[in-house]
Amino acid sequence: MPEPPSIDFSRLLTVGEVARRSGVAVSTIHFYEAKGLISSTRNEGNQRRFSSVVLRYIAVIKVAQRTGIPLEEIKQALSHFPVGSKLTAAQWRTLSAGWRTSLDERIQILTRLRDELDSCIGCGCLSLNQCPLRNPQDALGADGPGPRILERA
C-alpha cells in the first residue's frame, strides 16, 4: 500500500466538527474509524483529530451505502488508495468502475422486484393460486426455499 500523505496539522478537525460538517453522528464516525474506513491522529491531549479530507471519504461512504454497497466492499475499494489521500478524478473513476457491475446487478433485481411485487412475491409459496403459469404444482419448490422467481438469472 502506498505511504500516507503528510498531514496538514493546520486543517485538522475535531470529531464534533467532522460530525457537524458531514451530517453523520459522532458514533458513526467512531464506527467508520473502528472498521478502518477512515483514520485520525491524536493530539497532545490524546484527542482525535481528522484531516479535512475525511469529509470526502465520509461522503463517498454514505453515497455508496445508500446504493446498497456493503461497508466491507467500500473498505476494500478504498484500500487501493493511500490512507487519507484526496481522491483524484481518475481515482474516483476507478472506484466507481469497480462498483458498476455490482450496481447494475442490484438495479436489475430491484427493477424485477418493483415490476413483480404486486402480483407475486417471487417464491411460489404464496402465489400458487395466483400464478399457475409461472409456478405450476409448486415446481419451483423443488429448487429450495426462498424467492426462486425473483432470483432467476
Protein backbone atom coordinates (compact mmCIF):
# COMPACT_ATOMS: atom_id res chain seq x y z
CA MET A 1 0.00 0.00 0.00
CA PRO A 2 1.37 3.49 -0.80
CA GLU A 3 2.60 5.71 2.00
CA PRO A 4 0.01 8.05 3.53
CA PRO A 5 0.42 11.72 2.61
CA SER A 6 1.93 14.09 5.12
CA ILE A 7 -0.71 15.55 7.42
CA ASP A 8 -1.52 19.26 7.28
CA PHE A 9 -1.90 19.95 11.01
CA SER A 10 -3.36 23.41 10.33
CA ARG A 11 -6.56 21.85 8.94
CA LEU A 12 -7.29 19.14 11.50
CA LEU A 13 -10.88 18.78 12.65
CA THR A 14 -12.33 17.53 15.90
CA VAL A 15 -14.77 14.64 15.80
CA GLY A 16 -17.58 17.12 16.55
CA GLU A 17 -16.58 19.29 13.60
CA VAL A 18 -16.47 16.25 11.34
CA ALA A 19 -19.90 15.18 12.58
CA ARG A 20 -21.38 18.63 12.02
CA ARG A 21 -19.85 19.12 8.58
CA SER A 22 -20.53 15.58 7.32
CA GLY A 23 -24.02 15.24 8.75
CA VAL A 24 -23.29 11.94 10.49
CA ALA A 25 -23.32 11.16 14.19
CA VAL A 26 -20.13 11.09 16.24
CA SER A 27 -20.82 7.41 16.94
CA THR A 28 -20.88 6.76 13.18
CA ILE A 29 -17.51 8.45 12.78
CA HIS A 30 -16.10 6.26 15.55
CA PHE A 31 -17.67 3.21 13.88
CA TYR A 32 -16.14 4.05 10.48
CA GLU A 33 -12.77 4.53 12.15
CA ALA A 34 -13.04 1.21 14.01
CA LYS A 35 -13.87 -0.50 10.71
CA GLY A 36 -10.81 1.03 9.06
CA LEU A 37 -12.75 3.20 6.60
CA ILE A 38 -11.30 6.47 7.91
CA SER A 39 -8.42 7.35 10.19
CA SER A 40 -7.48 10.01 12.68
CA THR A 41 -4.43 11.20 14.54
CA ARG A 42 -4.16 12.13 18.20
CA ASN A 43 -3.10 15.49 19.60
CA GLU A 44 -1.01 16.03 22.71
CA GLY A 45 -4.16 15.66 24.85
CA ASN A 46 -4.88 12.30 23.16
CA GLN A 47 -7.96 13.72 21.40
CA ARG A 48 -8.87 12.54 17.92
CA ARG A 49 -8.14 14.89 15.06
CA PHE A 50 -9.16 14.30 11.46
CA SER A 51 -7.72 15.67 8.27
CA SER A 52 -10.32 17.63 6.31
CA VAL A 53 -10.14 15.03 3.53
CA VAL A 54 -12.09 12.70 5.85
CA LEU A 55 -15.20 14.68 4.88
CA ARG A 56 -14.81 13.47 1.30
CA TYR A 57 -14.32 9.88 2.48
CA ILE A 58 -17.46 10.05 4.61
CA ALA A 59 -19.40 11.44 1.64
CA VAL A 60 -18.18 8.55 -0.55
CA ILE A 61 -19.07 6.04 2.16
CA LYS A 62 -22.56 7.47 2.63
CA VAL A 63 -23.28 7.56 -1.11
CA ALA A 64 -22.00 4.01 -1.53
CA GLN A 65 -24.06 2.79 1.43
CA ARG A 66 -27.14 4.48 0.05
CA THR A 67 -26.77 2.49 -3.16
CA GLY A 68 -26.57 -0.71 -1.14
CA ILE A 69 -22.83 -1.32 -1.26
CA PRO A 70 -21.76 -3.13 1.93
CA LEU A 71 -19.18 -1.46 4.19
CA GLU A 72 -16.68 -4.27 3.63
CA GLU A 73 -16.87 -3.70 -0.13
CA ILE A 74 -16.41 0.05 0.41
CA LYS A 75 -13.40 -0.62 2.63
CA GLN A 76 -11.87 -2.94 0.06
CA ALA A 77 -12.33 -0.38 -2.72
CA LEU A 78 -10.83 2.43 -0.64
CA SER A 79 -7.86 0.25 0.36
CA HIS A 80 -6.42 0.65 -3.15
CA PHE A 81 -5.57 4.28 -2.39
CA PRO A 82 -3.23 5.82 0.18
CA VAL A 83 -4.89 6.26 3.57
CA GLY A 84 -6.27 9.76 3.94
CA SER A 85 -5.43 10.82 0.40
CA LYS A 86 -7.63 13.18 -1.57
CA LEU A 87 -9.15 11.06 -4.35
CA THR A 88 -8.46 12.44 -7.79
CA ALA A 89 -11.00 12.33 -10.61
CA ALA A 90 -9.13 9.38 -12.12
CA GLN A 91 -9.16 7.52 -8.79
CA TRP A 92 -12.88 8.19 -8.41
CA ARG A 93 -13.48 6.77 -11.91
CA THR A 94 -11.53 3.66 -10.92
CA LEU A 95 -13.53 3.34 -7.72
CA SER A 96 -16.88 3.76 -9.43
CA ALA A 97 -15.95 1.41 -12.29
CA GLY A 98 -15.28 -1.28 -9.70
CA TRP A 99 -18.80 -0.89 -8.33
CA ARG A 100 -20.55 -0.63 -11.71
CA THR A 101 -21.21 -4.36 -12.25
CA SER A 102 -22.48 -4.85 -8.73
CA LEU A 103 -24.76 -1.83 -9.04
CA ASP A 104 -26.07 -3.00 -12.42
CA GLU A 105 -26.99 -6.36 -10.87
CA ARG A 106 -28.76 -4.63 -7.98
CA ILE A 107 -30.66 -2.39 -10.39
CA GLN A 108 -31.81 -5.43 -12.37
CA ILE A 109 -33.01 -7.23 -9.22
CA LEU A 110 -34.73 -4.13 -7.85
CA THR A 111 -36.42 -3.42 -11.18
CA ARG A 112 -37.69 -7.01 -11.33
CA LEU A 113 -38.91 -6.76 -7.72
CA ARG A 114 -40.70 -3.47 -8.43
CA ASP A 115 -42.37 -4.86 -11.55
CA GLU A 116 -43.44 -8.15 -9.98
CA LEU A 117 -44.14 -7.16 -6.39
CA ASP A 118 -47.88 -6.57 -6.82
CA SER A 119 -48.68 -9.97 -8.31
CA CYS A 120 -46.06 -12.30 -6.86
CA ILE A 121 -43.59 -12.20 -4.03
CA GLY A 122 -41.32 -14.37 -6.17
CA CYS A 123 -41.00 -17.50 -4.06
CA GLY A 124 -44.03 -19.51 -5.19
CA CYS A 125 -45.21 -20.36 -1.69
CA LEU A 126 -47.86 -17.66 -1.59
CA SER A 127 -48.56 -17.43 -5.29
CA LEU A 128 -49.71 -20.96 -6.15
CA ASN A 129 -53.34 -19.93 -6.67
CA GLN A 130 -52.49 -16.67 -8.43
CA CYS A 131 -49.60 -17.85 -10.58
CA PRO A 132 -50.21 -21.33 -12.02
CA LEU A 133 -48.35 -20.45 -15.23
CA ARG A 134 -45.17 -19.28 -13.54
CA ASN A 135 -45.07 -22.00 -10.90
CA PRO A 136 -47.49 -24.85 -11.69
CA GLN A 137 -47.74 -27.51 -8.95
CA ASP A 138 -45.10 -25.52 -6.99
CA ALA A 139 -42.36 -26.70 -9.37
CA LEU A 140 -40.02 -24.05 -8.01
CA GLY A 141 -40.33 -25.54 -4.53
CA ALA A 142 -38.06 -28.39 -5.68
CA ASP A 143 -35.27 -25.83 -6.14
CA GLY A 144 -35.34 -24.99 -2.44
CA PRO A 145 -36.75 -22.25 -0.27
CA GLY A 146 -36.70 -18.55 -0.98
CA PRO A 147 -37.50 -16.21 -3.84
CA ARG A 148 -36.80 -18.50 -6.82
CA ILE A 149 -38.62 -16.42 -9.43
CA LEU A 150 -37.08 -13.16 -8.29
CA GLU A 151 -33.54 -14.61 -8.19
CA ARG A 152 -33.61 -16.20 -11.62
CA ALA A 153 -30.79 -15.25 -13.94
